[in-house]
Amino acid sequence: MVHNNKFSGAIAALLDEYKKAIDELIKVIEPLTDDQLIRPIEPISTNTDCHSIQTILTHVTSSMFSYAVYIENSVGLGTERPERLTFDNASAYISRLEIAFDYTKNVFVQNPSITLEELDSSKKITTRWGQLYDVEQILEHAIVHILRHRRQIEKACDQYKFSN
């Protein structure tokens, strides 16, 4: 629910926690140099999204848009997922994180009657990896996704003695 362009209830809580998780990630990546961003941290990983902080952040920002698009499409919009973008500096990723959050927030501004909880499996969002979510669950997943990758980046910074 939106009151005077302010959110309330569960949507407000979820968006506040999402923003908090993003802000925590920004604090971790803000001091990174361009070289630290692209340095391999898991070069033998079979997951190409984890080779460097750059690939992690590309994955994170792309996923943020995907979650918002899943929500949009669950209410009947035929939105295409925005292009996956890769950047060479932390400030560009910070901007992309903020843009992705604003995009998500705007989904709720434009669709104030979105149902958060859906018990009927046939009405749930099916992700490309096959998981079923309602809107509340996909937002919870989005928050934890940021937290998990923030932790991964913190550990890489500690391991490679990146200053932050």
N, C-alpha and C. Protein backbone atom coordinates (compact mmCIF):
# COMPACT_ATOMS: atom_id res chain seq x y z
N MET A 1 0.84 -1.18 0.00
CA MET A 1 0.00 0.00 0.00
C MET A 1 0.88 1.24 0.00
N VAL A 2 0.46 2.27 -0.74
CA VAL A 2 1.21 3.52 -0.84
C VAL A 2 0.36 4.66 -0.29
N HIS A 3 0.93 5.44 0.62
CA HIS A 3 0.28 6.64 1.15
C HIS A 3 1.19 7.82 0.86
N ASN A 4 0.67 8.80 0.13
CA ASN A 4 1.46 9.99 -0.20
C ASN A 4 2.85 9.63 -0.71
N ASN A 5 2.87 8.67 -1.62
CA ASN A 5 4.12 8.20 -2.23
C ASN A 5 5.07 7.55 -1.22
N LYS A 6 4.57 7.23 -0.03
CA LYS A 6 5.32 6.49 0.98
C LYS A 6 4.67 5.12 1.11
N PHE A 7 5.48 4.13 1.31
CA PHE A 7 4.95 2.79 1.46
C PHE A 7 4.62 2.52 2.92
N SER A 8 3.73 1.55 3.13
CA SER A 8 3.39 1.17 4.49
C SER A 8 3.31 -0.35 4.57
N GLY A 9 3.24 -0.84 5.80
CA GLY A 9 3.06 -2.27 6.01
C GLY A 9 4.21 -3.11 5.51
N ALA A 10 3.87 -4.28 5.03
CA ALA A 10 4.88 -5.26 4.62
C ALA A 10 5.73 -4.75 3.46
N ILE A 11 5.13 -4.05 2.52
CA ILE A 11 5.91 -3.52 1.39
C ILE A 11 6.97 -2.55 1.90
N ALA A 12 6.59 -1.67 2.81
CA ALA A 12 7.55 -0.72 3.38
C ALA A 12 8.69 -1.46 4.07
N ALA A 13 8.35 -2.47 4.85
CA ALA A 13 9.37 -3.22 5.58
C ALA A 13 10.32 -3.93 4.61
N LEU A 14 9.76 -4.58 3.60
CA LEU A 14 10.60 -5.29 2.63
C LEU A 14 11.49 -4.33 1.85
N LEU A 15 10.95 -3.23 1.39
CA LEU A 15 11.76 -2.27 0.65
C LEU A 15 12.81 -1.62 1.54
N ASP A 16 12.48 -1.35 2.80
CA ASP A 16 13.48 -0.79 3.73
C ASP A 16 14.63 -1.77 3.93
N GLU A 17 14.32 -3.04 4.11
CA GLU A 17 15.37 -4.05 4.30
C GLU A 17 16.19 -4.26 3.03
N TYR A 18 15.55 -4.19 1.88
CA TYR A 18 16.24 -4.30 0.60
C TYR A 18 17.24 -3.15 0.46
N LYS A 19 16.78 -1.94 0.75
CA LYS A 19 17.65 -0.76 0.67
C LYS A 19 18.79 -0.86 1.67
N LYS A 20 18.50 -1.35 2.85
CA LYS A 20 19.55 -1.52 3.87
C LYS A 20 20.61 -2.50 3.38
N ALA A 21 20.18 -3.61 2.79
CA ALA A 21 21.14 -4.59 2.28
C ALA A 21 21.99 -3.99 1.16
N ILE A 22 21.36 -3.22 0.29
CA ILE A 22 22.09 -2.56 -0.80
C ILE A 22 23.10 -1.56 -0.24
N ASP A 23 22.68 -0.76 0.73
CA ASP A 23 23.58 0.22 1.35
C ASP A 23 24.77 -0.46 2.00
N GLU A 24 24.55 -1.61 2.63
CA GLU A 24 25.66 -2.36 3.24
C GLU A 24 26.63 -2.86 2.16
N LEU A 25 26.10 -3.32 1.04
CA LEU A 25 26.95 -3.75 -0.07
C LEU A 25 27.74 -2.58 -0.63
N ILE A 26 27.10 -1.44 -0.77
CA ILE A 26 27.78 -0.25 -1.28
C ILE A 26 28.96 0.12 -0.39
N LYS A 27 28.79 0.05 0.93
CA LYS A 27 29.89 0.37 1.85
C LYS A 27 31.09 -0.55 1.64
N VAL A 28 30.82 -1.79 1.26
CA VAL A 28 31.90 -2.75 1.04
C VAL A 28 32.61 -2.48 -0.28
N ILE A 29 31.87 -2.14 -1.33
CA ILE A 29 32.50 -2.01 -2.66
C ILE A 29 33.01 -0.61 -2.97
N GLU A 30 32.50 0.40 -2.26
CA GLU A 30 32.86 1.79 -2.56
C GLU A 30 34.37 2.05 -2.57
N PRO A 31 35.12 1.51 -1.60
CA PRO A 31 36.56 1.81 -1.60
C PRO A 31 37.41 0.98 -2.57
N LEU A 32 36.81 0.05 -3.28
CA LEU A 32 37.60 -0.82 -4.16
C LEU A 32 38.14 -0.08 -5.37
N THR A 33 39.39 -0.39 -5.69
CA THR A 33 39.99 0.18 -6.90
C THR A 33 39.51 -0.62 -8.11
N ASP A 34 39.75 -0.07 -9.28
CA ASP A 34 39.37 -0.76 -10.51
C ASP A 34 40.10 -2.11 -10.60
N ASP A 35 41.38 -2.13 -10.20
CA ASP A 35 42.16 -3.38 -10.24
C ASP A 35 41.59 -4.42 -9.27
N GLN A 36 41.20 -4.00 -8.08
CA GLN A 36 40.62 -4.93 -7.11
C GLN A 36 39.29 -5.48 -7.62
N LEU A 37 38.54 -4.66 -8.31
CA LEU A 37 37.25 -5.07 -8.83
C LEU A 37 37.38 -6.21 -9.83
N ILE A 38 38.38 -6.14 -10.69
CA ILE A 38 38.52 -7.13 -11.76
C ILE A 38 39.45 -8.29 -11.43
N ARG A 39 40.17 -8.19 -10.30
CA ARG A 39 41.11 -9.25 -9.92
C ARG A 39 40.38 -10.57 -9.70
N PRO A 40 40.89 -11.65 -10.27
CA PRO A 40 40.25 -12.96 -10.03
C PRO A 40 40.29 -13.31 -8.54
N ILE A 41 39.14 -13.74 -8.01
CA ILE A 41 39.09 -14.16 -6.61
C ILE A 41 38.76 -15.64 -6.50
N GLU A 42 38.08 -16.17 -7.50
CA GLU A 42 37.76 -17.60 -7.54
C GLU A 42 37.97 -18.08 -8.98
N PRO A 43 39.23 -18.02 -9.46
CA PRO A 43 39.48 -18.30 -10.87
C PRO A 43 39.17 -19.74 -11.31
N ILE A 44 39.15 -20.68 -10.37
CA ILE A 44 38.87 -22.07 -10.77
C ILE A 44 37.41 -22.45 -10.57
N SER A 45 36.60 -21.49 -10.13
CA SER A 45 35.18 -21.76 -9.93
C SER A 45 34.52 -22.05 -11.27
N THR A 46 33.61 -23.01 -11.28
CA THR A 46 32.84 -23.29 -12.49
C THR A 46 31.71 -22.28 -12.67
N ASN A 47 31.45 -21.47 -11.65
CA ASN A 47 30.42 -20.44 -11.73
C ASN A 47 31.06 -19.14 -12.22
N THR A 48 30.78 -18.80 -13.47
CA THR A 48 31.41 -17.61 -14.06
C THR A 48 30.97 -16.31 -13.38
N ASP A 49 29.90 -16.36 -12.59
CA ASP A 49 29.46 -15.17 -11.86
C ASP A 49 30.30 -14.91 -10.61
N CYS A 50 31.25 -15.78 -10.32
CA CYS A 50 32.03 -15.66 -9.08
C CYS A 50 33.53 -15.49 -9.30
N HIS A 51 33.96 -15.25 -10.52
CA HIS A 51 35.40 -15.17 -10.78
C HIS A 51 36.05 -13.93 -10.18
N SER A 52 35.31 -12.84 -10.11
CA SER A 52 35.84 -11.59 -9.58
C SER A 52 34.70 -10.83 -8.92
N ILE A 53 35.07 -9.78 -8.21
CA ILE A 53 34.03 -8.93 -7.62
C ILE A 53 33.20 -8.31 -8.73
N GLN A 54 33.83 -7.99 -9.84
CA GLN A 54 33.13 -7.45 -10.99
C GLN A 54 32.05 -8.42 -11.49
N THR A 55 32.39 -9.69 -11.64
CA THR A 55 31.39 -10.64 -12.13
C THR A 55 30.28 -10.87 -11.11
N ILE A 56 30.63 -10.82 -9.83
CA ILE A 56 29.61 -10.94 -8.78
C ILE A 56 28.63 -9.77 -8.86
N LEU A 57 29.17 -8.55 -8.99
CA LEU A 57 28.31 -7.37 -9.03
C LEU A 57 27.48 -7.31 -10.31
N THR A 58 28.02 -7.79 -11.41
CA THR A 58 27.24 -7.87 -12.64
C THR A 58 26.06 -8.81 -12.43
N HIS A 59 26.32 -9.94 -11.80
CA HIS A 59 25.27 -10.91 -11.48
C HIS A 59 24.23 -10.31 -10.54
N VAL A 60 24.69 -9.64 -9.49
CA VAL A 60 23.78 -9.07 -8.48
C VAL A 60 22.87 -8.01 -9.11
N THR A 61 23.45 -7.09 -9.86
CA THR A 61 22.63 -6.02 -10.43
C THR A 61 21.66 -6.56 -11.47
N SER A 62 22.10 -7.50 -12.26
CA SER A 62 21.21 -8.13 -13.24
C SER A 62 20.06 -8.85 -12.55
N SER A 63 20.38 -9.56 -11.47
CA SER A 63 19.35 -10.28 -10.72
C SER A 63 18.33 -9.34 -10.10
N MET A 64 18.78 -8.18 -9.63
CA MET A 64 17.85 -7.22 -9.04
C MET A 64 16.77 -6.83 -10.04
N PHE A 65 17.19 -6.57 -11.27
CA PHE A 65 16.20 -6.25 -12.31
C PHE A 65 15.31 -7.45 -12.60
N SER A 66 15.89 -8.64 -12.60
CA SER A 66 15.10 -9.85 -12.88
C SER A 66 13.99 -10.01 -11.86
N TYR A 67 14.29 -9.82 -10.58
CA TYR A 67 13.27 -9.97 -9.55
C TYR A 67 12.13 -8.98 -9.77
N ALA A 68 12.47 -7.74 -10.09
CA ALA A 68 11.44 -6.72 -10.34
C ALA A 68 10.60 -7.08 -11.56
N VAL A 69 11.25 -7.59 -12.60
CA VAL A 69 10.53 -7.98 -13.81
C VAL A 69 9.61 -9.18 -13.53
N TYR A 70 10.07 -10.12 -12.72
CA TYR A 70 9.19 -11.23 -12.32
C TYR A 70 7.92 -10.69 -11.66
N ILE A 71 8.08 -9.71 -10.79
CA ILE A 71 6.92 -9.13 -10.10
C ILE A 71 6.02 -8.42 -11.12
N GLU A 72 6.62 -7.62 -11.99
CA GLU A 72 5.82 -6.93 -13.00
C GLU A 72 5.03 -7.92 -13.86
N ASN A 73 5.70 -8.95 -14.28
CA ASN A 73 5.04 -9.92 -15.15
C ASN A 73 3.98 -10.73 -14.41
N SER A 74 4.11 -10.84 -13.09
CA SER A 74 3.10 -11.55 -12.31
C SER A 74 1.78 -10.79 -12.26
N VAL A 75 1.82 -9.49 -12.54
CA VAL A 75 0.60 -8.70 -12.57
C VAL A 75 0.15 -8.42 -14.00
N GLY A 76 0.74 -9.14 -14.95
CA GLY A 76 0.27 -9.07 -16.33
C GLY A 76 1.05 -8.17 -17.26
N LEU A 77 2.08 -7.54 -16.79
CA LEU A 77 2.89 -6.72 -17.68
C LEU A 77 3.82 -7.64 -18.47
N GLY A 78 4.14 -7.29 -19.66
CA GLY A 78 5.04 -8.11 -20.48
C GLY A 78 6.42 -7.50 -20.55
N THR A 79 6.99 -7.25 -19.40
CA THR A 79 8.27 -6.55 -19.32
C THR A 79 9.43 -7.48 -19.70
N GLU A 80 10.37 -6.94 -20.44
CA GLU A 80 11.60 -7.65 -20.78
C GLU A 80 12.66 -7.30 -19.74
N ARG A 81 13.46 -8.29 -19.40
CA ARG A 81 14.55 -8.06 -18.46
C ARG A 81 15.58 -7.12 -19.11
N PRO A 82 15.99 -6.07 -18.39
CA PRO A 82 17.01 -5.16 -18.95
C PRO A 82 18.32 -5.90 -19.24
N GLU A 83 19.08 -5.32 -20.12
CA GLU A 83 20.36 -5.89 -20.51
C GLU A 83 21.30 -6.05 -19.31
N ARG A 84 22.04 -7.13 -19.31
CA ARG A 84 23.04 -7.40 -18.27
C ARG A 84 24.27 -6.53 -18.59
N LEU A 85 24.62 -5.63 -17.68
CA LEU A 85 25.72 -4.70 -17.92
C LEU A 85 26.91 -4.98 -17.02
N THR A 86 28.09 -4.85 -17.58
CA THR A 86 29.35 -5.03 -16.86
C THR A 86 30.09 -3.69 -16.83
N PHE A 87 30.64 -3.35 -15.67
CA PHE A 87 31.34 -2.08 -15.51
C PHE A 87 32.76 -2.33 -15.00
N ASP A 88 33.62 -1.31 -15.17
CA ASP A 88 35.02 -1.43 -14.77
C ASP A 88 35.36 -0.69 -13.49
N ASN A 89 34.34 -0.13 -12.82
CA ASN A 89 34.62 0.59 -11.57
C ASN A 89 33.45 0.46 -10.61
N ALA A 90 33.75 0.60 -9.35
CA ALA A 90 32.74 0.42 -8.30
C ALA A 90 31.65 1.48 -8.38
N SER A 91 32.00 2.71 -8.73
CA SER A 91 31.00 3.77 -8.75
C SER A 91 29.90 3.47 -9.78
N ALA A 92 30.23 2.85 -10.89
CA ALA A 92 29.22 2.49 -11.88
C ALA A 92 28.30 1.41 -11.32
N TYR A 93 28.86 0.46 -10.56
CA TYR A 93 28.02 -0.57 -9.94
C TYR A 93 27.12 0.03 -8.86
N ILE A 94 27.65 0.99 -8.12
CA ILE A 94 26.84 1.66 -7.10
C ILE A 94 25.64 2.35 -7.76
N SER A 95 25.88 3.04 -8.85
CA SER A 95 24.79 3.68 -9.58
C SER A 95 23.78 2.64 -10.07
N ARG A 96 24.28 1.53 -10.58
CA ARG A 96 23.38 0.48 -11.09
C ARG A 96 22.56 -0.14 -9.97
N LEU A 97 23.17 -0.33 -8.80
CA LEU A 97 22.42 -0.83 -7.64
C LEU A 97 21.28 0.11 -7.29
N GLU A 98 21.58 1.40 -7.28
CA GLU A 98 20.56 2.40 -6.94
C GLU A 98 19.47 2.46 -7.99
N ILE A 99 19.83 2.36 -9.26
CA ILE A 99 18.85 2.37 -10.35
C ILE A 99 17.95 1.14 -10.25
N ALA A 100 18.55 -0.02 -9.97
CA ALA A 100 17.78 -1.25 -9.85
C ALA A 100 16.81 -1.18 -8.67
N PHE A 101 17.26 -0.61 -7.55
CA PHE A 101 16.37 -0.46 -6.40
C PHE A 101 15.22 0.48 -6.74
N ASP A 102 15.53 1.61 -7.37
CA ASP A 102 14.47 2.56 -7.75
C ASP A 102 13.48 1.91 -8.71
N TYR A 103 13.98 1.10 -9.61
CA TYR A 103 13.11 0.38 -10.54
C TYR A 103 12.15 -0.52 -9.76
N THR A 104 12.70 -1.25 -8.80
CA THR A 104 11.87 -2.14 -7.98
C THR A 104 10.83 -1.35 -7.20
N LYS A 105 11.25 -0.28 -6.57
CA LYS A 105 10.33 0.55 -5.80
C LYS A 105 9.21 1.07 -6.71
N ASN A 106 9.56 1.46 -7.92
CA ASN A 106 8.58 2.00 -8.85
C ASN A 106 7.54 0.94 -9.26
N VAL A 107 7.92 -0.33 -9.26
CA VAL A 107 6.96 -1.39 -9.56
C VAL A 107 5.78 -1.29 -8.59
N PHE A 108 6.06 -1.01 -7.33
CA PHE A 108 5.02 -0.91 -6.31
C PHE A 108 4.26 0.41 -6.38
N VAL A 109 4.95 1.48 -6.80
CA VAL A 109 4.27 2.76 -7.00
C VAL A 109 3.26 2.63 -8.14
N GLN A 110 3.69 2.01 -9.23
CA GLN A 110 2.84 1.88 -10.41
C GLN A 110 1.74 0.82 -10.24
N ASN A 111 1.95 -0.11 -9.31
CA ASN A 111 1.00 -1.21 -9.10
C ASN A 111 0.68 -1.34 -7.61
N PRO A 112 -0.01 -0.37 -7.03
CA PRO A 112 -0.21 -0.34 -5.58
C PRO A 112 -1.07 -1.47 -5.03
N SER A 113 -1.76 -2.20 -5.88
CA SER A 113 -2.61 -3.28 -5.37
C SER A 113 -1.99 -4.66 -5.53
N ILE A 114 -0.67 -4.71 -5.70
CA ILE A 114 0.02 -6.00 -5.82
C ILE A 114 -0.26 -6.83 -4.57
N THR A 115 -0.60 -8.09 -4.78
CA THR A 115 -0.79 -9.02 -3.67
C THR A 115 0.57 -9.61 -3.29
N LEU A 116 0.94 -9.45 -2.03
CA LEU A 116 2.23 -9.97 -1.58
C LEU A 116 2.21 -11.48 -1.38
N GLU A 117 1.20 -11.94 -0.66
CA GLU A 117 1.11 -13.37 -0.33
C GLU A 117 0.16 -14.08 -1.27
N GLU A 118 0.62 -15.18 -1.82
CA GLU A 118 -0.21 -15.99 -2.71
C GLU A 118 -0.07 -17.45 -2.30
N LEU A 119 -1.17 -18.04 -1.83
CA LEU A 119 -1.12 -19.43 -1.39
C LEU A 119 -1.37 -20.42 -2.52
N ASP A 120 -2.04 -19.97 -3.57
CA ASP A 120 -2.36 -20.83 -4.71
C ASP A 120 -1.10 -20.99 -5.58
N SER A 121 -0.56 -22.20 -5.63
CA SER A 121 0.67 -22.48 -6.39
C SER A 121 0.56 -22.08 -7.85
N SER A 122 -0.63 -22.22 -8.42
CA SER A 122 -0.80 -21.91 -9.84
C SER A 122 -0.68 -20.41 -10.12
N LYS A 123 -0.75 -19.58 -9.07
CA LYS A 123 -0.64 -18.13 -9.24
C LYS A 123 0.72 -17.60 -8.79
N LYS A 124 1.60 -18.50 -8.40
CA LYS A 124 2.93 -18.08 -7.95
C LYS A 124 3.83 -17.79 -9.15
N ILE A 125 4.90 -17.08 -8.89
CA ILE A 125 5.89 -16.74 -9.91
C ILE A 125 6.83 -17.94 -10.04
N THR A 126 7.00 -18.41 -11.26
CA THR A 126 7.96 -19.49 -11.51
C THR A 126 9.23 -18.86 -12.07
N THR A 127 10.33 -19.02 -11.35
CA THR A 127 11.60 -18.45 -11.79
C THR A 127 12.22 -19.34 -12.86
N ARG A 128 13.24 -18.82 -13.53
CA ARG A 128 13.91 -19.61 -14.57
C ARG A 128 14.64 -20.81 -13.98
N TRP A 129 14.92 -20.79 -12.66
CA TRP A 129 15.56 -21.94 -12.03
C TRP A 129 14.54 -22.90 -11.43
N GLY A 130 13.24 -22.61 -11.67
CA GLY A 130 12.19 -23.55 -11.32
C GLY A 130 11.55 -23.38 -9.96
N GLN A 131 12.00 -22.41 -9.18
CA GLN A 131 11.44 -22.16 -7.86
C GLN A 131 10.13 -21.38 -7.99
N LEU A 132 9.17 -21.69 -7.12
CA LEU A 132 7.91 -20.95 -7.08
C LEU A 132 7.94 -19.96 -5.92
N TYR A 133 7.58 -18.71 -6.21
CA TYR A 133 7.56 -17.66 -5.19
C TYR A 133 6.29 -16.83 -5.34
N ASP A 134 5.82 -16.27 -4.22
CA ASP A 134 4.87 -15.17 -4.33
C ASP A 134 5.71 -13.89 -4.28
N VAL A 135 5.08 -12.74 -4.39
CA VAL A 135 5.82 -11.47 -4.44
C VAL A 135 6.64 -11.26 -3.16
N GLU A 136 6.03 -11.55 -2.01
CA GLU A 136 6.75 -11.39 -0.75
C GLU A 136 8.01 -12.26 -0.72
N GLN A 137 7.88 -13.50 -1.15
CA GLN A 137 9.01 -14.43 -1.14
C GLN A 137 10.10 -14.01 -2.12
N ILE A 138 9.71 -13.49 -3.27
CA ILE A 138 10.74 -13.09 -4.23
C ILE A 138 11.51 -11.87 -3.71
N LEU A 139 10.81 -10.97 -3.01
CA LEU A 139 11.51 -9.84 -2.39
C LEU A 139 12.42 -10.30 -1.26
N GLU A 140 11.96 -11.24 -0.48
CA GLU A 140 12.82 -11.81 0.58
C GLU A 140 14.05 -12.47 -0.03
N HIS A 141 13.85 -13.19 -1.13
CA HIS A 141 14.97 -13.82 -1.82
C HIS A 141 15.94 -12.74 -2.33
N ALA A 142 15.39 -11.66 -2.89
CA ALA A 142 16.23 -10.57 -3.41
C ALA A 142 17.10 -9.98 -2.30
N ILE A 143 16.53 -9.80 -1.13
CA ILE A 143 17.28 -9.25 0.01
C ILE A 143 18.40 -10.19 0.41
N VAL A 144 18.08 -11.44 0.59
CA VAL A 144 19.10 -12.41 1.02
C VAL A 144 20.17 -12.60 -0.06
N HIS A 145 19.78 -12.49 -1.32
CA HIS A 145 20.74 -12.60 -2.41
C HIS A 145 21.82 -11.52 -2.28
N ILE A 146 21.40 -10.29 -1.98
CA ILE A 146 22.36 -9.19 -1.76
C ILE A 146 23.25 -9.51 -0.56
N LEU A 147 22.64 -9.98 0.53
CA LEU A 147 23.40 -10.27 1.76
C LEU A 147 24.45 -11.36 1.52
N ARG A 148 24.07 -12.40 0.81
CA ARG A 148 25.00 -13.51 0.55
C ARG A 148 26.20 -13.04 -0.28
N HIS A 149 25.92 -12.23 -1.30
CA HIS A 149 27.02 -11.76 -2.15
C HIS A 149 27.84 -10.67 -1.47
N ARG A 150 27.22 -9.86 -0.59
CA ARG A 150 28.00 -8.90 0.20
C ARG A 150 29.02 -9.66 1.06
N ARG A 151 28.54 -10.73 1.70
CA ARG A 151 29.42 -11.56 2.53
C ARG A 151 30.54 -12.18 1.70
N GLN A 152 30.21 -12.66 0.52
CA GLN A 152 31.22 -13.25 -0.38
C GLN A 152 32.28 -12.21 -0.74
N ILE A 153 31.85 -11.00 -1.05
CA ILE A 153 32.79 -9.94 -1.40
C ILE A 153 33.63 -9.53 -0.19
N GLU A 154 33.02 -9.44 0.99
CA GLU A 154 33.78 -9.13 2.20
C GLU A 154 34.87 -10.16 2.44
N LYS A 155 34.54 -11.43 2.28
CA LYS A 155 35.52 -12.49 2.49
C LYS A 155 36.66 -12.39 1.47
N ALA A 156 36.34 -12.06 0.23
CA ALA A 156 37.37 -11.90 -0.79
C ALA A 156 38.27 -10.70 -0.45
N CYS A 157 37.67 -9.61 0.02
CA CYS A 157 38.45 -8.43 0.42
C CYS A 157 39.40 -8.78 1.56
N ASP A 158 38.91 -9.55 2.52
CA ASP A 158 39.77 -9.99 3.64
C ASP A 158 40.89 -10.91 3.14
N GLN A 159 40.54 -11.86 2.30
CA GLN A 159 41.51 -12.82 1.80
C GLN A 159 42.62 -12.14 1.01
N TYR A 160 42.26 -11.18 0.18
CA TYR A 160 43.24 -10.51 -0.68
C TYR A 160 43.72 -9.19 -0.10
N LYS A 161 43.33 -8.92 1.16
CA LYS A 161 43.78 -7.73 1.88
C LYS A 161 43.41 -6.44 1.16
N PHE A 162 42.21 -6.43 0.53
CA PHE A 162 41.71 -5.20 -0.07
C PHE A 162 41.29 -4.30 1.08
N SER A 163 41.59 -3.03 1.00
CA SER A 163 41.20 -2.12 2.08
C SER A 163 39.73 -1.76 1.94
N ASN A 164 39.03 -1.77 3.05
CA ASN A 164 37.64 -1.28 3.08
C ASN A 164 37.23 -0.90 4.46
